[in-house]
C-alpha cells in the first residue's frame, strides 16, 4: 500500500472527485458497494439486451460490463492483497 496526498475536489457521498499526483485530470472514487451495484446493473442490461436482437446494443452492453468487471476485479484484488 502506498500513502500519498491527493487533491480532493468533492467528497460527494459514494463519488469523491480526486486527483492523484502525476495525473492531469481528476478521477472519480466510487465506493466498492456502488461499483458492485453498477456491475450488477450492467449484467441485467446485458441479459435484457440479448433478447432485443440489436447487435450494436449487445456489443455496447458487453463492453460496459467488461469494463466494470475489470474495475471490480482490480478493487477486490487490491483489498485481498491488503487483508480486507
PDB file of N, CA and C in Angstrom:
ATOM      1  N   UNK A   1       0.848  -1.159   0.000  1.00  0.00           N
ATOM      2  CA  UNK A   1       0.000   0.000   0.000  1.00  0.00           C
ATOM      3  C   UNK A   1       0.897   1.226   0.000  1.00  0.00           C
ATOM      4  N   UNK A   2       0.535   2.207  -0.802  1.00  0.00           N
ATOM      5  CA  UNK A   2       1.270   3.459  -0.875  1.00  0.00           C
ATOM      6  C   UNK A   2       0.422   4.567  -0.286  1.00  0.00           C
ATOM      7  N   UNK A   3       1.010   5.357   0.586  1.00  0.00           N
ATOM      8  CA  UNK A   3       0.304   6.516   1.130  1.00  0.00           C
ATOM      9  C   UNK A   3       0.796   7.747   0.397  1.00  0.00           C
ATOM     10  N   UNK A   4      -0.152   8.601  -0.027  1.00  0.00           N
ATOM     11  CA  UNK A   4       0.194   9.825  -0.723  1.00  0.00           C
ATOM     12  C   UNK A   4      -0.898  10.851  -0.502  1.00  0.00           C
ATOM     13  N   UNK A   5      -0.549  12.080  -0.726  1.00  0.00           N
ATOM     14  CA  UNK A   5      -1.555  13.130  -0.672  1.00  0.00           C
ATOM     15  C   UNK A   5      -2.248  13.210  -2.020  1.00  0.00           C
ATOM     16  N   UNK A   6      -3.551  13.424  -1.973  1.00  0.00           N
ATOM     17  CA  UNK A   6      -4.336  13.607  -3.184  1.00  0.00           C
ATOM     18  C   UNK A   6      -5.088  14.920  -3.067  1.00  0.00           C
ATOM     19  N   UNK A   7      -5.425  15.496  -4.200  1.00  0.00           N
ATOM     20  CA  UNK A   7      -6.268  16.683  -4.203  1.00  0.00           C
ATOM     21  C   UNK A   7      -7.722  16.216  -4.188  1.00  0.00           C
ATOM     22  N   UNK A   8      -8.513  16.763  -3.300  1.00  0.00           N
ATOM     23  CA  UNK A   8      -9.919  16.385  -3.194  1.00  0.00           C
ATOM     24  C   UNK A   8     -10.764  17.559  -3.679  1.00  0.00           C
ATOM     25  N   UNK A   9     -11.463  17.340  -4.781  1.00  0.00           N
ATOM     26  CA  UNK A   9     -12.315  18.369  -5.362  1.00  0.00           C
ATOM     27  C   UNK A   9     -13.720  18.327  -4.780  1.00  0.00           C
ATOM     28  N   UNK A  10     -14.168  17.134  -4.387  1.00  0.00           N
ATOM     29  CA  UNK A  10     -15.509  16.953  -3.837  1.00  0.00           C
ATOM     30  C   UNK A  10     -15.542  15.653  -3.053  1.00  0.00           C
ATOM     31  N   UNK A  11     -16.273  15.649  -1.967  1.00  0.00           N
ATOM     32  CA  UNK A  11     -16.434  14.431  -1.176  1.00  0.00           C
ATOM     33  C   UNK A  11     -17.891  13.970  -1.212  1.00  0.00           C
ATOM     34  N   UNK A  12     -18.528  14.168  -2.347  1.00  0.00           N
ATOM     35  CA  UNK A  12     -19.902  13.734  -2.505  1.00  0.00           C
ATOM     36  C   UNK A  12     -20.022  12.260  -2.119  1.00  0.00           C
ATOM     37  N   UNK A  13     -21.061  11.931  -1.390  1.00  0.00           N
ATOM     38  CA  UNK A  13     -21.273  10.568  -0.937  1.00  0.00           C
ATOM     39  C   UNK A  13     -21.182   9.582  -2.094  1.00  0.00           C
ATOM     40  N   UNK A  14     -20.369   8.558  -1.909  1.00  0.00           N
ATOM     41  CA  UNK A  14     -20.183   7.463  -2.866  1.00  0.00           C
ATOM     42  C   UNK A  14     -19.497   7.856  -4.172  1.00  0.00           C
ATOM     43  N   UNK A  15     -19.079   9.106  -4.323  1.00  0.00           N
ATOM     44  CA  UNK A  15     -18.434   9.506  -5.576  1.00  0.00           C
ATOM     45  C   UNK A  15     -17.537  10.723  -5.365  1.00  0.00           C
ATOM     46  N   UNK A  16     -16.429  10.526  -4.672  1.00  0.00           N
ATOM     47  CA  UNK A  16     -15.495  11.622  -4.426  1.00  0.00           C
ATOM     48  C   UNK A  16     -14.691  11.914  -5.695  1.00  0.00           C
ATOM     49  N   UNK A  17     -14.474  13.195  -5.952  1.00  0.00           N
ATOM     50  CA  UNK A  17     -13.656  13.605  -7.095  1.00  0.00           C
ATOM     51  C   UNK A  17     -12.274  13.946  -6.552  1.00  0.00           C
ATOM     52  N   UNK A  18     -11.274  13.184  -7.018  1.00  0.00           N
ATOM     53  CA  UNK A  18      -9.911  13.353  -6.516  1.00  0.00           C
ATOM     54  C   UNK A  18      -8.924  13.360  -7.674  1.00  0.00           C
ATOM     55  N   UNK A  19      -7.736  13.912  -7.405  1.00  0.00           N
ATOM     56  CA  UNK A  19      -6.650  13.829  -8.390  1.00  0.00           C
ATOM     57  C   UNK A  19      -5.417  13.319  -7.659  1.00  0.00           C
ATOM     58  N   UNK A  20      -4.849  12.251  -8.182  1.00  0.00           N
ATOM     59  CA  UNK A  20      -3.631  11.696  -7.596  1.00  0.00           C
ATOM     60  C   UNK A  20      -2.431  12.365  -8.247  1.00  0.00           C
ATOM     61  N   UNK A  21      -1.310  12.417  -7.553  1.00  0.00           N
ATOM     62  CA  UNK A  21      -0.117  13.050  -8.113  1.00  0.00           C
ATOM     63  C   UNK A  21       0.258  12.441  -9.457  1.00  0.00           C
ATOM     64  N   UNK A  22       0.664  13.304 -10.371  1.00  0.00           N
ATOM     65  CA  UNK A  22       1.117  12.858 -11.678  1.00  0.00           C
ATOM     66  C   UNK A  22       0.025  12.727 -12.719  1.00  0.00           C
ATOM     67  N   UNK A  23      -1.214  12.939 -12.338  1.00  0.00           N
ATOM     68  CA  UNK A  23      -2.316  12.827 -13.286  1.00  0.00           C
ATOM     69  C   UNK A  23      -2.830  14.215 -13.626  1.00  0.00           C
ATOM     70  N   UNK A  24      -3.119  14.443 -14.896  1.00  0.00           N
ATOM     71  CA  UNK A  24      -3.624  15.741 -15.321  1.00  0.00           C
ATOM     72  C   UNK A  24      -5.081  15.935 -14.919  1.00  0.00           C
ATOM     73  N   UNK A  25      -5.866  14.891 -15.099  1.00  0.00           N
ATOM     74  CA  UNK A  25      -7.296  15.004 -14.836  1.00  0.00           C
ATOM     75  C   UNK A  25      -7.678  14.303 -13.544  1.00  0.00           C
ATOM     76  N   UNK A  26      -8.626  14.862 -12.812  1.00  0.00           N
ATOM     77  CA  UNK A  26      -9.133  14.189 -11.615  1.00  0.00           C
ATOM     78  C   UNK A  26      -9.873  12.908 -11.994  1.00  0.00           C
ATOM     79  N   UNK A  27     -10.036  12.049 -11.026  1.00  0.00           N
ATOM     80  CA  UNK A  27     -10.792  10.818 -11.201  1.00  0.00           C
ATOM     81  C   UNK A  27     -11.952  10.786 -10.236  1.00  0.00           C
ATOM     82  N   UNK A  28     -12.751   9.778 -10.378  1.00  0.00           N
ATOM     83  CA  UNK A  28     -13.920   9.598  -9.532  1.00  0.00           C
ATOM     84  C   UNK A  28     -13.694   8.362  -8.675  1.00  0.00           C
ATOM     85  N   UNK A  29     -13.698   8.532  -7.380  1.00  0.00           N
ATOM     86  CA  UNK A  29     -13.525   7.405  -6.461  1.00  0.00           C
ATOM     87  C   UNK A  29     -14.900   7.004  -5.952  1.00  0.00           C
ATOM     88  N   UNK A  30     -15.415   5.910  -6.506  1.00  0.00           N
ATOM     89  CA  UNK A  30     -16.728   5.449  -6.053  1.00  0.00           C
ATOM     90  C   UNK A  30     -16.548   4.347  -5.023  1.00  0.00           C
ATOM     91  N   UNK A  31     -17.495   4.226  -4.136  1.00  0.00           N
ATOM     92  CA  UNK A  31     -17.440   3.207  -3.101  1.00  0.00           C
ATOM     93  C   UNK A  31     -17.571   1.826  -3.739  1.00  0.00           C
ATOM     94  N   UNK A  32     -16.951   0.831  -3.120  1.00  0.00           N
ATOM     95  CA  UNK A  32     -16.969  -0.525  -3.644  1.00  0.00           C
ATOM     96  C   UNK A  32     -18.368  -1.094  -3.803  1.00  0.00           C
ATOM     97  N   UNK A  33     -19.240  -0.815  -2.836  1.00  0.00           N
ATOM     98  CA  UNK A  33     -20.604  -1.335  -2.957  1.00  0.00           C
ATOM     99  C   UNK A  33     -21.340  -0.675  -4.115  1.00  0.00           C
ATOM    100  N   UNK A  34     -21.051   0.585  -4.372  1.00  0.00           N
ATOM    101  CA  UNK A  34     -21.662   1.269  -5.522  1.00  0.00           C
ATOM    102  C   UNK A  34     -21.138   0.683  -6.827  1.00  0.00           C
ATOM    103  N   UNK A  35     -19.855   0.338  -6.865  1.00  0.00           N
ATOM    104  CA  UNK A  35     -19.272  -0.298  -8.042  1.00  0.00           C
ATOM    105  C   UNK A  35     -19.954  -1.636  -8.313  1.00  0.00           C
ATOM    106  N   UNK A  36     -20.185  -2.414  -7.270  1.00  0.00           N
ATOM    107  CA  UNK A  36     -20.853  -3.708  -7.420  1.00  0.00           C
ATOM    108  C   UNK A  36     -22.277  -3.527  -7.941  1.00  0.00           C
ATOM    109  N   UNK A  37     -22.977  -2.514  -7.472  1.00  0.00           N
ATOM    110  CA  UNK A  37     -24.335  -2.235  -7.951  1.00  0.00           C
ATOM    111  C   UNK A  37     -24.302  -1.904  -9.440  1.00  0.00           C
ATOM    112  N   UNK A  38     -23.349  -1.082  -9.873  1.00  0.00           N
ATOM    113  CA  UNK A  38     -23.220  -0.747 -11.297  1.00  0.00           C
ATOM    114  C   UNK A  38     -22.938  -1.998 -12.132  1.00  0.00           C
ATOM    115  N   UNK A  39     -22.067  -2.863 -11.631  1.00  0.00           N
ATOM    116  CA  UNK A  39     -21.755  -4.100 -12.341  1.00  0.00           C
ATOM    117  C   UNK A  39     -22.989  -4.987 -12.459  1.00  0.00           C
ATOM    118  N   UNK A  40     -23.727  -5.123 -11.364  1.00  0.00           N
ATOM    119  CA  UNK A  40     -24.944  -5.936 -11.390  1.00  0.00           C
ATOM    120  C   UNK A  40     -25.968  -5.365 -12.379  1.00  0.00           C
ATOM    121  N   UNK A  41     -26.085  -4.050 -12.422  1.00  0.00           N
ATOM    122  CA  UNK A  41     -26.988  -3.406 -13.386  1.00  0.00           C
ATOM    123  C   UNK A  41     -26.545  -3.706 -14.816  1.00  0.00           C
ATOM    124  N   UNK A  42     -25.248  -3.647 -15.065  1.00  0.00           N
ATOM    125  CA  UNK A  42     -24.737  -3.936 -16.408  1.00  0.00           C
ATOM    126  C   UNK A  42     -25.045  -5.374 -16.804  1.00  0.00           C
ATOM    127  N   UNK A  43     -24.917  -6.303 -15.865  1.00  0.00           N
ATOM    128  CA  UNK A  43     -25.254  -7.699 -16.162  1.00  0.00           C
ATOM    129  C   UNK A  43     -26.731  -7.829 -16.527  1.00  0.00           C
ATOM    130  N   UNK A  44     -27.592  -7.161 -15.798  1.00  0.00           N
ATOM    131  CA  UNK A  44     -29.032  -7.228 -16.075  1.00  0.00           C
ATOM    132  C   UNK A  44     -29.358  -6.595 -17.423  1.00  0.00           C
ATOM    133  N   UNK A  45     -28.740  -5.473 -17.732  1.00  0.00           N
ATOM    134  CA  UNK A  45     -28.960  -4.817 -19.027  1.00  0.00           C
ATOM    135  C   UNK A  45     -28.497  -5.741 -20.159  1.00  0.00           C
ATOM    136  N   UNK A  46     -27.371  -6.418 -19.949  1.00  0.00           N
ATOM    137  CA  UNK A  46     -26.885  -7.352 -20.959  1.00  0.00           C
ATOM    138  C   UNK A  46     -27.890  -8.476 -21.190  1.00  0.00           C
ATOM    139  N   UNK A  47     -28.403  -9.043 -20.106  1.00  0.00           N
ATOM    140  CA  UNK A  47     -29.395 -10.114 -20.249  1.00  0.00           C
ATOM    141  C   UNK A  47     -30.603  -9.624 -21.042  1.00  0.00           C
ATOM    142  N   UNK A  48     -31.093  -8.447 -20.712  1.00  0.00           N
ATOM    143  CA  UNK A  48     -32.257  -7.892 -21.399  1.00  0.00           C
ATOM    144  C   UNK A  48     -31.943  -7.539 -22.849  1.00  0.00           C
ATOM    145  N   UNK A  49     -30.744  -7.021 -23.105  1.00  0.00           N
ATOM    146  CA  UNK A  49     -30.399  -6.593 -24.463  1.00  0.00           C
ATOM    147  C   UNK A  49     -30.226  -7.778 -25.405  1.00  0.00           C
ATOM    148  N   UNK A  50     -29.845  -8.923 -24.864  1.00  0.00           N
ATOM    149  CA  UNK A  50     -29.631 -10.093 -25.715  1.00  0.00           C
ATOM    150  C   UNK A  50     -30.922 -10.538 -26.408  1.00  0.00           C
ATOM    151  N   UNK A  51     -32.059 -10.236 -25.811  1.00  0.00           N
ATOM    152  CA  UNK A  51     -33.323 -10.601 -26.450  1.00  0.00           C
ATOM    153  C   UNK A  51     -33.816  -9.523 -27.409  1.00  0.00           C
ATOM    154  N   UNK A  52     -33.097  -8.416 -27.485  1.00  0.00           N
ATOM    155  CA  UNK A  52     -33.523  -7.309 -28.344  1.00  0.00           C
ATOM    156  C   UNK A  52     -33.203  -7.558 -29.818  1.00  0.00           C
ATOM    157  N   UNK A  53     -32.199  -8.377 -30.066  1.00  0.00           N
ATOM    158  CA  UNK A  53     -31.781  -8.614 -31.446  1.00  0.00           C
ATOM    159  C   UNK A  53     -30.906  -7.516 -32.015  1.00  0.00           C
ATOM    160  N   UNK A  54     -30.610  -6.495 -31.220  1.00  0.00           N
ATOM    161  CA  UNK A  54     -29.780  -5.386 -31.683  1.00  0.00           C
ATOM    162  C   UNK A  54     -28.314  -5.692 -31.398  1.00  0.00           C
ATOM    163  N   UNK A  55     -27.567  -5.994 -32.448  1.00  0.00           N
ATOM    164  CA  UNK A  55     -26.148  -6.322 -32.288  1.00  0.00           C
ATOM    165  C   UNK A  55     -25.367  -5.160 -31.677  1.00  0.00           C
ATOM    166  N   UNK A  56     -25.694  -3.934 -32.078  1.00  0.00           N
ATOM    167  CA  UNK A  56     -24.996  -2.765 -31.539  1.00  0.00           C
ATOM    168  C   UNK A  56     -25.256  -2.608 -30.045  1.00  0.00           C
ATOM    169  N   UNK A  57     -26.499  -2.801 -29.628  1.00  0.00           N
ATOM    170  CA  UNK A  57     -26.839  -2.692 -28.209  1.00  0.00           C
ATOM    171  C   UNK A  57     -26.120  -3.769 -27.411  1.00  0.00           C
ATOM    172  N   UNK A  58     -26.139  -4.976 -27.913  1.00  0.00           N
ATOM    173  CA  UNK A  58     -25.474  -6.076 -27.220  1.00  0.00           C
ATOM    174  C   UNK A  58     -23.975  -5.811 -27.117  1.00  0.00           C
ATOM    175  N   UNK A  59     -23.358  -5.378 -28.204  1.00  0.00           N
ATOM    176  CA  UNK A  59     -21.921  -5.097 -28.206  1.00  0.00           C
ATOM    177  C   UNK A  59     -21.561  -4.009 -27.196  1.00  0.00           C
ATOM    178  N   UNK A  60     -22.333  -2.941 -27.178  1.00  0.00           N
ATOM    179  CA  UNK A  60     -22.070  -1.845 -26.236  1.00  0.00           C
ATOM    180  C   UNK A  60     -22.259  -2.295 -24.794  1.00  0.00           C
ATOM    181  N   UNK A  61     -23.270  -3.102 -24.571  1.00  0.00           N
ATOM    182  CA  UNK A  61     -23.543  -3.582 -23.218  1.00  0.00           C
ATOM    183  C   UNK A  61     -22.456  -4.542 -22.744  1.00  0.00           C
ATOM    184  N   UNK A  62     -21.994  -5.417 -23.623  1.00  0.00           N
ATOM    185  CA  UNK A  62     -20.897  -6.322 -23.282  1.00  0.00           C
ATOM    186  C   UNK A  62     -19.654  -5.511 -22.923  1.00  0.00           C
ATOM    187  N   UNK A  63     -19.360  -4.493 -23.716  1.00  0.00           N
ATOM    188  CA  UNK A  63     -18.192  -3.652 -23.445  1.00  0.00           C
ATOM    189  C   UNK A  63     -18.311  -2.971 -22.084  1.00  0.00           C
ATOM    190  N   UNK A  64     -19.490  -2.416 -21.778  1.00  0.00           N
ATOM    191  CA  UNK A  64     -19.700  -1.755 -20.491  1.00  0.00           C
ATOM    192  C   UNK A  64     -19.519  -2.743 -19.344  1.00  0.00           C
ATOM    193  N   UNK A  65     -20.093  -3.926 -19.477  1.00  0.00           N
ATOM    194  CA  UNK A  65     -19.989  -4.937 -18.434  1.00  0.00           C
ATOM    195  C   UNK A  65     -18.542  -5.360 -18.234  1.00  0.00           C
ATOM    196  N   UNK A  66     -17.790  -5.526 -19.313  1.00  0.00           N
ATOM    197  CA  UNK A  66     -16.390  -5.940 -19.204  1.00  0.00           C
ATOM    198  C   UNK A  66     -15.530  -4.876 -18.537  1.00  0.00           C
ATOM    199  N   UNK A  67     -15.788  -3.618 -18.850  1.00  0.00           N
ATOM    200  CA  UNK A  67     -15.051  -2.530 -18.200  1.00  0.00           C
ATOM    201  C   UNK A  67     -15.328  -2.526 -16.699  1.00  0.00           C
ATOM    202  N   UNK A  68     -16.609  -2.600 -16.342  1.00  0.00           N
ATOM    203  CA  UNK A  68     -16.964  -2.615 -14.925  1.00  0.00           C
ATOM    204  C   UNK A  68     -16.429  -3.858 -14.222  1.00  0.00           C
ATOM    205  N   UNK A  69     -16.431  -5.000 -14.908  1.00  0.00           N
ATOM    206  CA  UNK A  69     -15.885  -6.230 -14.332  1.00  0.00           C
ATOM    207  C   UNK A  69     -14.390  -6.058 -14.043  1.00  0.00           C
ATOM    208  N   UNK A  70     -13.678  -5.400 -14.941  1.00  0.00           N
ATOM    209  CA  UNK A  70     -12.254  -5.143 -14.728  1.00  0.00           C
ATOM    210  C   UNK A  70     -12.007  -4.251 -13.523  1.00  0.00           C
ATOM    211  N   UNK A  71     -12.823  -3.206 -13.380  1.00  0.00           N
ATOM    212  CA  UNK A  71     -12.687  -2.323 -12.219  1.00  0.00           C
ATOM    213  C   UNK A  71     -13.006  -3.075 -10.927  1.00  0.00           C
ATOM    214  N   UNK A  72     -14.066  -3.885 -10.964  1.00  0.00           N
ATOM    215  CA  UNK A  72     -14.455  -4.640  -9.785  1.00  0.00           C
ATOM    216  C   UNK A  72     -13.377  -5.654  -9.407  1.00  0.00           C
ATOM    217  N   UNK A  73     -12.793  -6.302 -10.397  1.00  0.00           N
ATOM    218  CA  UNK A  73     -11.718  -7.266 -10.137  1.00  0.00           C
ATOM    219  C   UNK A  73     -10.498  -6.569  -9.534  1.00  0.00           C
ATOM    220  N   UNK A  74     -10.134  -5.414 -10.073  1.00  0.00           N
ATOM    221  CA  UNK A  74      -8.984  -4.665  -9.546  1.00  0.00           C
ATOM    222  C   UNK A  74      -9.244  -4.232  -8.103  1.00  0.00           C
ATOM    223  N   UNK A  75     -10.463  -3.793  -7.829  1.00  0.00           N
ATOM    224  CA  UNK A  75     -10.852  -3.366  -6.482  1.00  0.00           C
ATOM    225  C   UNK A  75     -10.752  -4.544  -5.505  1.00  0.00           C
ATOM    226  N   UNK A  76     -11.354  -5.671  -5.878  1.00  0.00           N
ATOM    227  CA  UNK A  76     -11.350  -6.831  -4.994  1.00  0.00           C
ATOM    228  C   UNK A  76      -9.945  -7.388  -4.790  1.00  0.00           C
ATOM    229  N   UNK A  77      -9.128  -7.394  -5.831  1.00  0.00           N
ATOM    230  CA  UNK A  77      -7.746  -7.873  -5.727  1.00  0.00           C
ATOM    231  C   UNK A  77      -6.924  -6.997  -4.797  1.00  0.00           C
ATOM    232  N   UNK A  78      -7.100  -5.693  -4.907  1.00  0.00           N
ATOM    233  CA  UNK A  78      -6.353  -4.761  -4.050  1.00  0.00           C
ATOM    234  C   UNK A  78      -6.740  -4.957  -2.588  1.00  0.00           C
ATOM    235  N   UNK A  79      -8.038  -5.117  -2.335  1.00  0.00           N
ATOM    236  CA  UNK A  79      -8.466  -5.337  -0.953  1.00  0.00           C
ATOM    237  C   UNK A  79      -7.920  -6.653  -0.417  1.00  0.00           C
ATOM    238  N   UNK A  80      -7.989  -7.694  -1.218  1.00  0.00           N
ATOM    239  CA  UNK A  80      -7.496  -9.009  -0.793  1.00  0.00           C
ATOM    240  C   UNK A  80      -5.999  -8.964  -0.507  1.00  0.00           C
ATOM    241  N   UNK A  81      -5.250  -8.259  -1.356  1.00  0.00           N
ATOM    242  CA  UNK A  81      -3.801  -8.155  -1.175  1.00  0.00           C
ATOM    243  C   UNK A  81      -3.428  -7.473   0.141  1.00  0.00           C
ATOM    244  N   UNK A  82      -4.351  -6.670   0.648  1.00  0.00           N
ATOM    245  CA  UNK A  82      -4.077  -5.939   1.889  1.00  0.00           C
ATOM    246  C   UNK A  82      -4.911  -6.444   3.060  1.00  0.00           C
ATOM    247  N   UNK A  83      -5.395  -7.686   2.934  1.00  0.00           N
ATOM    248  CA  UNK A  83      -6.065  -8.341   4.056  1.00  0.00           C
ATOM    249  C   UNK A  83      -7.471  -7.862   4.355  1.00  0.00           C
ATOM    250  N   UNK A  84      -8.139  -7.300   3.359  1.00  0.00           N
ATOM    251  CA  UNK A  84      -9.527  -6.856   3.576  1.00  0.00           C
ATOM    252  C   UNK A  84     -10.487  -7.789   2.904  1.00  0.00           C
TER     253      UNK A  84
END
